[in-house]
N, C-alpha and C. Protein backbone atom coordinates (compact mmCIF):
# COMPACT_ATOMS: atom_id res chain seq x y z
N MET A 1 -46.53 33.54 29.27
CA MET A 1 -47.41 33.32 28.13
C MET A 1 -47.29 34.52 27.20
N ASN A 2 -47.00 34.26 25.96
CA ASN A 2 -46.85 35.38 25.04
C ASN A 2 -48.21 35.91 24.60
N ARG A 3 -48.16 37.04 23.91
CA ARG A 3 -49.40 37.72 23.51
C ARG A 3 -50.27 36.87 22.58
N HIS A 4 -49.63 36.14 21.66
CA HIS A 4 -50.37 35.29 20.71
C HIS A 4 -51.14 34.19 21.44
N LYS A 5 -50.48 33.55 22.40
CA LYS A 5 -51.15 32.49 23.16
C LYS A 5 -52.29 33.05 24.00
N SER A 6 -52.09 34.25 24.55
CA SER A 6 -53.14 34.88 25.35
C SER A 6 -54.37 35.17 24.49
N SER A 7 -54.14 35.67 23.27
CA SER A 7 -55.29 35.97 22.41
C SER A 7 -55.99 34.68 21.96
N ASP A 8 -55.22 33.60 21.75
CA ASP A 8 -55.84 32.31 21.40
C ASP A 8 -56.71 31.79 22.54
N VAL A 9 -56.22 31.91 23.75
CA VAL A 9 -57.00 31.46 24.92
C VAL A 9 -58.27 32.30 25.05
N ALA A 10 -58.15 33.60 24.84
CA ALA A 10 -59.32 34.48 24.91
C ALA A 10 -60.34 34.11 23.82
N ARG A 11 -59.84 33.90 22.61
CA ARG A 11 -60.75 33.51 21.51
C ARG A 11 -61.45 32.19 21.81
N LEU A 12 -60.67 31.21 22.25
CA LEU A 12 -61.26 29.90 22.59
C LEU A 12 -62.31 30.06 23.67
N SER A 13 -62.02 30.84 24.68
CA SER A 13 -62.97 31.03 25.78
C SER A 13 -64.27 31.65 25.29
N ILE A 14 -64.14 32.67 24.45
CA ILE A 14 -65.34 33.33 23.91
C ILE A 14 -66.16 32.36 23.06
N PHE A 15 -65.49 31.63 22.18
CA PHE A 15 -66.21 30.70 21.30
C PHE A 15 -66.82 29.54 22.09
N ILE A 16 -66.13 29.06 23.11
CA ILE A 16 -66.70 27.99 23.94
C ILE A 16 -67.93 28.49 24.67
N ALA A 17 -67.87 29.71 25.19
CA ALA A 17 -69.04 30.29 25.86
C ALA A 17 -70.22 30.42 24.89
N ILE A 18 -69.94 30.86 23.67
CA ILE A 18 -70.99 30.98 22.65
C ILE A 18 -71.57 29.60 22.33
N MET A 19 -70.70 28.60 22.18
CA MET A 19 -71.16 27.24 21.88
C MET A 19 -72.06 26.71 23.00
N LEU A 20 -71.65 26.91 24.25
CA LEU A 20 -72.46 26.43 25.37
C LEU A 20 -73.80 27.15 25.42
N LEU A 21 -73.80 28.45 25.14
CA LEU A 21 -75.05 29.21 25.12
C LEU A 21 -75.97 28.71 24.01
N ILE A 22 -75.43 28.52 22.82
CA ILE A 22 -76.23 28.00 21.69
C ILE A 22 -76.77 26.61 22.04
N HIS A 23 -75.93 25.77 22.62
CA HIS A 23 -76.37 24.42 22.98
C HIS A 23 -77.51 24.47 24.00
N PHE A 24 -77.36 25.30 25.02
CA PHE A 24 -78.38 25.39 26.06
C PHE A 24 -79.69 25.94 25.50
N ILE A 25 -79.62 27.04 24.77
CA ILE A 25 -80.84 27.66 24.23
C ILE A 25 -81.51 26.76 23.20
N SER A 26 -80.72 26.17 22.29
CA SER A 26 -81.33 25.30 21.27
C SER A 26 -81.94 24.05 21.90
N SER A 27 -81.33 23.54 22.96
CA SER A 27 -81.91 22.38 23.65
C SER A 27 -83.27 22.73 24.24
N LEU A 28 -83.36 23.90 24.85
CA LEU A 28 -84.65 24.33 25.41
C LEU A 28 -85.69 24.56 24.32
N VAL A 29 -85.30 25.30 23.30
CA VAL A 29 -86.24 25.64 22.23
C VAL A 29 -86.71 24.39 21.49
N PHE A 30 -85.77 23.52 21.12
CA PHE A 30 -86.14 22.36 20.31
C PHE A 30 -86.89 21.30 21.11
N ASN A 31 -86.82 21.33 22.44
CA ASN A 31 -87.65 20.43 23.24
C ASN A 31 -89.11 20.88 23.22
N LEU A 32 -89.34 22.17 23.02
CA LEU A 32 -90.70 22.70 22.93
C LEU A 32 -91.19 22.79 21.49
N TRP A 33 -90.28 22.68 20.56
CA TRP A 33 -90.53 22.80 19.12
C TRP A 33 -91.46 21.68 18.65
N PRO A 34 -92.60 22.01 18.07
CA PRO A 34 -93.55 20.96 17.68
C PRO A 34 -93.21 20.25 16.37
N VAL A 35 -92.21 20.75 15.64
CA VAL A 35 -91.85 20.20 14.34
C VAL A 35 -90.72 19.18 14.54
N PRO A 36 -90.71 18.08 13.78
CA PRO A 36 -89.68 17.05 13.96
C PRO A 36 -88.27 17.49 13.54
N ILE A 37 -88.15 18.60 12.82
CA ILE A 37 -86.83 19.08 12.40
C ILE A 37 -86.20 19.80 13.59
N LYS A 38 -85.05 19.29 14.03
CA LYS A 38 -84.32 19.88 15.15
C LYS A 38 -82.86 20.04 14.74
N PRO A 39 -82.56 21.12 14.01
CA PRO A 39 -81.20 21.25 13.48
C PRO A 39 -80.16 21.50 14.56
N THR A 40 -78.96 21.02 14.32
CA THR A 40 -77.82 21.29 15.18
C THR A 40 -77.28 22.67 14.80
N LEU A 41 -77.06 23.52 15.80
CA LEU A 41 -76.56 24.86 15.54
C LEU A 41 -75.18 25.10 16.16
N ILE A 42 -74.79 24.25 17.07
CA ILE A 42 -73.55 24.44 17.81
C ILE A 42 -72.31 24.36 16.93
N HIS A 43 -72.44 23.80 15.75
CA HIS A 43 -71.29 23.69 14.86
C HIS A 43 -70.95 25.01 14.16
N ILE A 44 -71.85 25.95 14.15
CA ILE A 44 -71.62 27.21 13.44
C ILE A 44 -70.44 28.00 14.03
N PRO A 45 -70.32 28.15 15.36
CA PRO A 45 -69.13 28.83 15.88
C PRO A 45 -67.82 28.10 15.54
N VAL A 46 -67.89 26.79 15.43
CA VAL A 46 -66.69 26.02 15.07
C VAL A 46 -66.27 26.38 13.64
N ILE A 47 -67.24 26.45 12.74
CA ILE A 47 -66.96 26.80 11.34
C ILE A 47 -66.40 28.22 11.26
N VAL A 48 -67.04 29.15 11.94
CA VAL A 48 -66.61 30.56 11.92
C VAL A 48 -65.18 30.68 12.47
N ALA A 49 -64.91 30.06 13.60
CA ALA A 49 -63.56 30.13 14.19
C ALA A 49 -62.52 29.49 13.28
N SER A 50 -62.89 28.41 12.61
CA SER A 50 -61.97 27.75 11.68
C SER A 50 -61.57 28.70 10.57
N ILE A 51 -62.54 29.38 10.00
CA ILE A 51 -62.27 30.30 8.90
C ILE A 51 -61.45 31.50 9.37
N LEU A 52 -61.81 32.05 10.52
CA LEU A 52 -61.14 33.26 11.01
C LEU A 52 -59.77 33.01 11.63
N TYR A 53 -59.63 31.92 12.37
CA TYR A 53 -58.43 31.73 13.18
C TYR A 53 -57.62 30.48 12.84
N GLY A 54 -58.07 29.73 11.86
CA GLY A 54 -57.29 28.60 11.40
C GLY A 54 -57.75 27.25 11.90
N PRO A 55 -57.18 26.20 11.31
CA PRO A 55 -57.63 24.85 11.61
C PRO A 55 -57.26 24.35 13.01
N ARG A 56 -56.21 24.90 13.61
CA ARG A 56 -55.84 24.45 14.95
C ARG A 56 -56.90 24.86 15.98
N LEU A 57 -57.26 26.15 15.97
CA LEU A 57 -58.32 26.60 16.89
C LEU A 57 -59.66 25.96 16.52
N GLY A 58 -59.91 25.81 15.22
CA GLY A 58 -61.14 25.17 14.79
C GLY A 58 -61.23 23.73 15.27
N ALA A 59 -60.12 22.99 15.17
CA ALA A 59 -60.12 21.60 15.62
C ALA A 59 -60.32 21.50 17.13
N ILE A 60 -59.72 22.42 17.88
CA ILE A 60 -59.92 22.42 19.33
C ILE A 60 -61.39 22.66 19.66
N LEU A 61 -61.99 23.64 19.00
CA LEU A 61 -63.41 23.91 19.24
C LEU A 61 -64.28 22.75 18.78
N GLY A 62 -63.90 22.09 17.68
CA GLY A 62 -64.62 20.90 17.25
C GLY A 62 -64.53 19.80 18.30
N GLY A 63 -63.35 19.66 18.90
CA GLY A 63 -63.19 18.70 20.00
C GLY A 63 -64.09 19.05 21.19
N VAL A 64 -64.20 20.34 21.48
CA VAL A 64 -65.10 20.77 22.56
C VAL A 64 -66.55 20.42 22.20
N MET A 65 -66.91 20.62 20.93
CA MET A 65 -68.26 20.24 20.49
C MET A 65 -68.49 18.75 20.70
N GLY A 66 -67.49 17.94 20.37
CA GLY A 66 -67.60 16.49 20.57
C GLY A 66 -67.76 16.15 22.04
N ILE A 67 -67.00 16.81 22.91
CA ILE A 67 -67.11 16.57 24.35
C ILE A 67 -68.49 16.96 24.86
N ILE A 68 -69.01 18.09 24.37
CA ILE A 68 -70.37 18.49 24.75
C ILE A 68 -71.37 17.41 24.35
N SER A 69 -71.19 16.83 23.17
CA SER A 69 -72.07 15.77 22.70
C SER A 69 -71.99 14.53 23.60
N VAL A 70 -70.76 14.13 23.95
CA VAL A 70 -70.59 12.97 24.82
C VAL A 70 -71.23 13.22 26.19
N VAL A 71 -70.95 14.38 26.78
CA VAL A 71 -71.49 14.70 28.11
C VAL A 71 -73.02 14.77 28.07
N THR A 72 -73.56 15.45 27.07
CA THR A 72 -75.01 15.58 26.97
C THR A 72 -75.67 14.22 26.83
N ASN A 73 -75.12 13.36 25.98
CA ASN A 73 -75.72 12.04 25.75
C ASN A 73 -75.46 11.07 26.89
N THR A 74 -74.53 11.40 27.77
CA THR A 74 -74.30 10.58 28.96
C THR A 74 -75.27 10.97 30.06
N ILE A 75 -75.57 12.27 30.16
CA ILE A 75 -76.44 12.78 31.23
C ILE A 75 -77.91 12.69 30.86
N ILE A 76 -78.24 13.12 29.65
CA ILE A 76 -79.63 13.12 29.19
C ILE A 76 -79.82 11.91 28.28
N LEU A 77 -80.44 10.89 28.81
CA LEU A 77 -80.57 9.64 28.06
C LEU A 77 -81.75 9.69 27.10
N LEU A 78 -81.41 9.48 25.84
CA LEU A 78 -82.39 9.38 24.77
C LEU A 78 -82.20 8.02 24.11
N PRO A 79 -83.14 7.59 23.28
CA PRO A 79 -82.97 6.30 22.60
C PRO A 79 -81.69 6.22 21.75
N THR A 80 -81.17 7.37 21.32
CA THR A 80 -79.97 7.38 20.48
C THR A 80 -78.71 7.78 21.24
N SER A 81 -78.75 7.90 22.54
CA SER A 81 -77.58 8.34 23.32
C SER A 81 -76.37 7.44 23.15
N TYR A 82 -76.59 6.16 22.97
CA TYR A 82 -75.48 5.22 22.83
C TYR A 82 -74.66 5.48 21.55
N LEU A 83 -75.22 6.20 20.60
CA LEU A 83 -74.50 6.51 19.37
C LEU A 83 -73.39 7.53 19.61
N PHE A 84 -73.50 8.31 20.71
CA PHE A 84 -72.56 9.40 20.97
C PHE A 84 -71.86 9.30 22.32
N SER A 85 -72.22 8.34 23.14
CA SER A 85 -71.59 8.20 24.45
C SER A 85 -71.19 6.76 24.72
N PRO A 86 -69.91 6.54 25.00
CA PRO A 86 -69.48 5.19 25.35
C PRO A 86 -69.83 4.83 26.79
N PHE A 87 -70.38 5.79 27.53
CA PHE A 87 -70.64 5.59 28.95
C PHE A 87 -72.08 5.18 29.27
N VAL A 88 -72.88 4.92 28.25
CA VAL A 88 -74.26 4.48 28.46
C VAL A 88 -74.42 3.06 27.92
N THR A 89 -75.52 2.43 28.24
CA THR A 89 -75.79 1.06 27.77
C THR A 89 -75.72 1.02 26.25
N ASN A 90 -75.04 0.03 25.72
CA ASN A 90 -74.81 -0.20 24.29
C ASN A 90 -73.81 0.76 23.65
N GLY A 91 -73.34 1.75 24.38
CA GLY A 91 -72.31 2.63 23.86
C GLY A 91 -70.96 1.92 23.90
N ASN A 92 -70.05 2.33 23.03
CA ASN A 92 -68.72 1.73 22.99
C ASN A 92 -67.72 2.73 22.41
N ILE A 93 -66.54 2.29 22.09
CA ILE A 93 -65.50 3.18 21.55
C ILE A 93 -65.95 3.82 20.25
N TYR A 94 -66.76 3.12 19.48
CA TYR A 94 -67.27 3.70 18.23
C TYR A 94 -68.17 4.90 18.50
N SER A 95 -68.88 4.87 19.61
CA SER A 95 -69.72 6.02 20.00
C SER A 95 -68.84 7.24 20.19
N PHE A 96 -67.70 7.05 20.84
CA PHE A 96 -66.77 8.15 21.08
C PHE A 96 -66.19 8.66 19.76
N ILE A 97 -65.88 7.75 18.86
CA ILE A 97 -65.35 8.13 17.54
C ILE A 97 -66.39 8.95 16.78
N ILE A 98 -67.64 8.53 16.80
CA ILE A 98 -68.72 9.25 16.11
C ILE A 98 -68.92 10.63 16.74
N ALA A 99 -68.79 10.73 18.05
CA ALA A 99 -68.98 12.02 18.73
C ALA A 99 -67.82 12.98 18.48
N MET A 100 -66.61 12.47 18.33
CA MET A 100 -65.43 13.34 18.29
C MET A 100 -64.89 13.63 16.88
N VAL A 101 -64.65 12.62 16.09
CA VAL A 101 -63.95 12.81 14.81
C VAL A 101 -64.68 13.76 13.87
N PRO A 102 -65.98 13.59 13.62
CA PRO A 102 -66.65 14.53 12.71
C PRO A 102 -66.58 15.97 13.20
N ARG A 103 -66.68 16.16 14.51
CA ARG A 103 -66.70 17.50 15.08
C ARG A 103 -65.32 18.15 14.95
N ILE A 104 -64.27 17.38 15.14
CA ILE A 104 -62.92 17.92 14.95
C ILE A 104 -62.71 18.31 13.49
N LEU A 105 -63.22 17.48 12.58
CA LEU A 105 -63.10 17.79 11.15
C LEU A 105 -63.87 19.05 10.77
N ILE A 106 -64.96 19.36 11.48
CA ILE A 106 -65.70 20.60 11.23
C ILE A 106 -64.79 21.80 11.44
N GLY A 107 -63.85 21.67 12.36
CA GLY A 107 -62.93 22.76 12.63
C GLY A 107 -61.76 22.86 11.66
N ILE A 108 -61.63 21.89 10.78
CA ILE A 108 -60.49 21.87 9.86
C ILE A 108 -60.91 22.14 8.41
N LEU A 109 -61.89 21.40 7.91
CA LEU A 109 -62.25 21.46 6.49
C LEU A 109 -62.75 22.82 6.01
N PRO A 110 -63.58 23.54 6.77
CA PRO A 110 -64.03 24.85 6.28
C PRO A 110 -62.88 25.84 6.06
N TYR A 111 -61.86 25.76 6.89
CA TYR A 111 -60.71 26.65 6.73
C TYR A 111 -60.08 26.46 5.35
N TYR A 112 -59.83 25.21 4.99
CA TYR A 112 -59.17 24.94 3.71
C TYR A 112 -60.08 25.21 2.52
N SER A 113 -61.37 24.97 2.67
CA SER A 113 -62.27 25.28 1.55
C SER A 113 -62.36 26.78 1.34
N TYR A 114 -62.33 27.55 2.43
CA TYR A 114 -62.35 29.01 2.28
C TYR A 114 -61.04 29.52 1.69
N LYS A 115 -59.93 28.89 2.03
CA LYS A 115 -58.64 29.30 1.45
C LYS A 115 -58.63 29.10 -0.06
N LEU A 116 -59.35 28.08 -0.55
CA LEU A 116 -59.43 27.85 -2.00
C LEU A 116 -60.28 28.91 -2.70
N LEU A 117 -61.36 29.34 -2.02
CA LEU A 117 -62.29 30.31 -2.60
C LEU A 117 -62.48 31.46 -1.61
N SER A 118 -61.57 32.40 -1.58
CA SER A 118 -61.61 33.46 -0.58
C SER A 118 -62.54 34.60 -0.99
N ASN A 119 -63.83 34.28 -1.04
CA ASN A 119 -64.84 35.30 -1.34
C ASN A 119 -66.16 34.89 -0.68
N LYS A 120 -67.23 35.63 -0.95
CA LYS A 120 -68.52 35.30 -0.33
C LYS A 120 -69.00 33.90 -0.70
N PHE A 121 -68.77 33.53 -1.95
CA PHE A 121 -69.15 32.18 -2.37
C PHE A 121 -68.36 31.15 -1.57
N GLY A 122 -67.08 31.43 -1.34
CA GLY A 122 -66.25 30.55 -0.52
C GLY A 122 -66.76 30.43 0.90
N LEU A 123 -67.26 31.54 1.44
CA LEU A 123 -67.85 31.50 2.79
C LEU A 123 -69.08 30.61 2.81
N MET A 124 -69.93 30.79 1.79
CA MET A 124 -71.14 29.98 1.71
C MET A 124 -70.79 28.50 1.58
N ILE A 125 -69.85 28.18 0.72
CA ILE A 125 -69.41 26.79 0.54
C ILE A 125 -68.80 26.25 1.83
N SER A 126 -68.02 27.06 2.53
CA SER A 126 -67.41 26.62 3.79
C SER A 126 -68.48 26.34 4.84
N GLY A 127 -69.52 27.17 4.90
CA GLY A 127 -70.63 26.92 5.82
C GLY A 127 -71.34 25.62 5.50
N ILE A 128 -71.59 25.41 4.22
CA ILE A 128 -72.24 24.16 3.79
C ILE A 128 -71.33 22.97 4.07
N LEU A 129 -70.06 23.09 3.72
CA LEU A 129 -69.11 22.00 3.91
C LEU A 129 -68.95 21.63 5.39
N GLY A 130 -68.89 22.65 6.25
CA GLY A 130 -68.78 22.38 7.69
C GLY A 130 -69.97 21.60 8.20
N SER A 131 -71.15 22.03 7.80
CA SER A 131 -72.37 21.33 8.21
C SER A 131 -72.42 19.93 7.61
N LEU A 132 -72.06 19.83 6.34
CA LEU A 132 -72.08 18.54 5.64
C LEU A 132 -71.05 17.58 6.24
N THR A 133 -69.92 18.11 6.69
CA THR A 133 -68.90 17.27 7.33
C THR A 133 -69.50 16.56 8.54
N ASN A 134 -70.21 17.33 9.36
CA ASN A 134 -70.86 16.73 10.53
C ASN A 134 -71.86 15.66 10.10
N THR A 135 -72.72 16.00 9.18
CA THR A 135 -73.77 15.08 8.74
C THR A 135 -73.18 13.81 8.14
N VAL A 136 -72.28 13.95 7.19
CA VAL A 136 -71.74 12.79 6.48
C VAL A 136 -70.96 11.87 7.42
N PHE A 137 -70.10 12.44 8.25
CA PHE A 137 -69.27 11.60 9.10
C PHE A 137 -70.03 11.00 10.27
N VAL A 138 -70.98 11.76 10.84
CA VAL A 138 -71.79 11.19 11.93
C VAL A 138 -72.68 10.08 11.38
N LEU A 139 -73.42 10.38 10.32
CA LEU A 139 -74.32 9.36 9.77
C LEU A 139 -73.55 8.20 9.15
N GLY A 140 -72.41 8.50 8.54
CA GLY A 140 -71.55 7.43 8.02
C GLY A 140 -71.06 6.52 9.14
N GLY A 141 -70.67 7.13 10.26
CA GLY A 141 -70.25 6.35 11.42
C GLY A 141 -71.37 5.49 11.97
N ILE A 142 -72.56 6.06 12.03
CA ILE A 142 -73.72 5.29 12.50
C ILE A 142 -73.96 4.11 11.56
N PHE A 143 -73.89 4.38 10.26
CA PHE A 143 -74.12 3.32 9.28
C PHE A 143 -73.07 2.22 9.38
N ILE A 144 -71.81 2.61 9.52
CA ILE A 144 -70.72 1.63 9.56
C ILE A 144 -70.70 0.86 10.88
N PHE A 145 -70.81 1.57 12.00
CA PHE A 145 -70.61 0.94 13.30
C PHE A 145 -71.88 0.42 13.96
N PHE A 146 -73.05 0.98 13.60
CA PHE A 146 -74.27 0.60 14.32
C PHE A 146 -75.42 0.18 13.42
N SER A 147 -75.17 -0.11 12.15
CA SER A 147 -76.28 -0.46 11.26
C SER A 147 -76.98 -1.74 11.70
N SER A 148 -76.28 -2.65 12.35
CA SER A 148 -76.91 -3.90 12.79
C SER A 148 -77.95 -3.65 13.88
N VAL A 149 -77.78 -2.55 14.63
CA VAL A 149 -78.74 -2.22 15.68
C VAL A 149 -80.08 -1.84 15.07
N PHE A 150 -80.03 -1.12 13.95
CA PHE A 150 -81.25 -0.66 13.30
C PHE A 150 -81.85 -1.70 12.37
N GLY A 151 -81.13 -2.75 12.10
CA GLY A 151 -81.62 -3.76 11.18
C GLY A 151 -81.77 -3.19 9.79
N ARG A 152 -82.84 -3.50 9.16
CA ARG A 152 -83.08 -3.00 7.79
C ARG A 152 -83.56 -1.57 7.77
N ASN A 153 -83.89 -1.01 8.93
CA ASN A 153 -84.43 0.35 8.97
C ASN A 153 -83.36 1.43 9.01
N VAL A 154 -82.08 1.07 8.99
CA VAL A 154 -81.02 2.08 9.08
C VAL A 154 -81.08 3.04 7.89
N LYS A 155 -81.38 2.55 6.71
CA LYS A 155 -81.46 3.43 5.54
C LYS A 155 -82.62 4.41 5.67
N VAL A 156 -83.73 3.96 6.20
CA VAL A 156 -84.89 4.83 6.42
C VAL A 156 -84.55 5.89 7.45
N PHE A 157 -83.89 5.47 8.54
CA PHE A 157 -83.48 6.38 9.60
C PHE A 157 -82.55 7.47 9.06
N LEU A 158 -81.52 7.06 8.34
CA LEU A 158 -80.54 8.00 7.82
C LEU A 158 -81.14 8.90 6.74
N THR A 159 -81.98 8.37 5.89
CA THR A 159 -82.63 9.16 4.85
C THR A 159 -83.53 10.23 5.47
N GLY A 160 -84.22 9.88 6.53
CA GLY A 160 -85.07 10.85 7.22
C GLY A 160 -84.27 12.01 7.77
N ILE A 161 -83.13 11.72 8.35
CA ILE A 161 -82.28 12.77 8.90
C ILE A 161 -81.70 13.64 7.79
N ILE A 162 -81.23 13.01 6.73
CA ILE A 162 -80.63 13.77 5.63
C ILE A 162 -81.64 14.67 4.96
N SER A 163 -82.86 14.18 4.77
CA SER A 163 -83.86 14.96 4.05
C SER A 163 -84.49 16.06 4.90
N THR A 164 -84.27 16.05 6.21
CA THR A 164 -84.86 17.10 7.05
C THR A 164 -83.76 17.93 7.71
N ASN A 165 -83.21 17.42 8.78
CA ASN A 165 -82.23 18.18 9.56
C ASN A 165 -81.04 18.63 8.73
N ALA A 166 -80.47 17.76 7.94
CA ALA A 166 -79.23 18.07 7.23
C ALA A 166 -79.42 19.25 6.27
N LEU A 167 -80.51 19.28 5.54
CA LEU A 167 -80.74 20.38 4.60
C LEU A 167 -80.92 21.70 5.33
N VAL A 168 -81.66 21.68 6.43
CA VAL A 168 -81.89 22.90 7.22
C VAL A 168 -80.57 23.37 7.83
N GLU A 169 -79.78 22.45 8.37
CA GLU A 169 -78.49 22.81 8.97
C GLU A 169 -77.56 23.44 7.94
N MET A 170 -77.50 22.87 6.73
CA MET A 170 -76.63 23.42 5.69
C MET A 170 -77.06 24.84 5.31
N LEU A 171 -78.36 25.05 5.16
CA LEU A 171 -78.87 26.37 4.80
C LEU A 171 -78.55 27.39 5.89
N ILE A 172 -78.84 27.05 7.13
CA ILE A 172 -78.57 27.95 8.25
C ILE A 172 -77.07 28.26 8.34
N SER A 173 -76.24 27.24 8.23
CA SER A 173 -74.79 27.44 8.30
C SER A 173 -74.29 28.35 7.18
N ALA A 174 -74.76 28.11 5.97
CA ALA A 174 -74.33 28.93 4.83
C ALA A 174 -74.69 30.39 5.04
N VAL A 175 -75.91 30.64 5.48
CA VAL A 175 -76.38 32.02 5.65
C VAL A 175 -75.63 32.73 6.79
N ILE A 176 -75.53 32.07 7.93
CA ILE A 176 -74.88 32.71 9.09
C ILE A 176 -73.39 32.91 8.85
N VAL A 177 -72.71 31.90 8.33
CA VAL A 177 -71.26 32.03 8.08
C VAL A 177 -71.00 33.14 7.07
N THR A 178 -71.79 33.20 6.00
CA THR A 178 -71.60 34.22 4.97
C THR A 178 -71.84 35.62 5.54
N ALA A 179 -72.78 35.76 6.45
CA ALA A 179 -73.08 37.07 7.03
C ALA A 179 -72.12 37.44 8.15
N LEU A 180 -71.69 36.48 8.94
CA LEU A 180 -70.94 36.76 10.17
C LEU A 180 -69.44 36.94 9.96
N VAL A 181 -68.83 36.13 9.13
CA VAL A 181 -67.38 36.15 8.98
C VAL A 181 -66.84 37.51 8.50
N PRO A 182 -67.45 38.15 7.48
CA PRO A 182 -66.91 39.46 7.07
C PRO A 182 -66.96 40.51 8.19
N THR A 183 -68.02 40.50 8.96
CA THR A 183 -68.14 41.45 10.06
C THR A 183 -67.09 41.18 11.12
N LEU A 184 -66.92 39.92 11.50
CA LEU A 184 -65.91 39.58 12.50
C LEU A 184 -64.50 39.82 11.99
N SER A 185 -64.29 39.64 10.69
CA SER A 185 -62.97 39.92 10.10
C SER A 185 -62.61 41.39 10.23
N LYS A 186 -63.59 42.27 10.01
CA LYS A 186 -63.36 43.71 10.15
C LYS A 186 -63.03 44.06 11.59
N LEU A 187 -63.73 43.43 12.54
CA LEU A 187 -63.45 43.68 13.95
C LEU A 187 -62.07 43.16 14.34
N ASN A 188 -61.65 42.08 13.71
CA ASN A 188 -60.35 41.47 13.97
C ASN A 188 -59.18 42.37 13.59
N THR A 189 -59.36 43.13 12.51
CA THR A 189 -58.27 43.97 12.00
C THR A 189 -58.13 45.27 12.77
N LYS A 190 -59.13 45.62 13.56
CA LYS A 190 -59.06 46.88 14.32
C LYS A 190 -58.23 46.71 15.56
């Protein structure tokens, strides 16, 4: 194994560990959280890795995020688990697509948006775009593949998510990505 592959494996391992830690802690905190807004935070390391190390590592980490979603929704059954796991009642191949494709795209799109605008504004836009990628593609997938399950209430369901979780997730992503990437970039060059 050459040095480049070794460093990629080390980076992936560190980011996967961070993602699992964020997932575990946010699951605990948001289960006790009295407010209905429960933002997803696990996508932030995917965005950061995409910007710092490129779309290949970002896509791999996005795939890991998708797998975490499938496993979580298979083990911990919620009324919406079938949207992300093909292994539960009413889940199907579309559930797997919704769980995987948006998350893989989170690892690709921020890299290219940052390459277009390589400054702090570009970092902020990349954080927003990464979060928005998840929101748009997951909710779009739900609308396309599962709108019949929700009947006429699918628009209300999706609007509720967009007006609460999505805005908070975009703000958190923009702030953390803008603050974290320059610091990690300096550490990378040493």
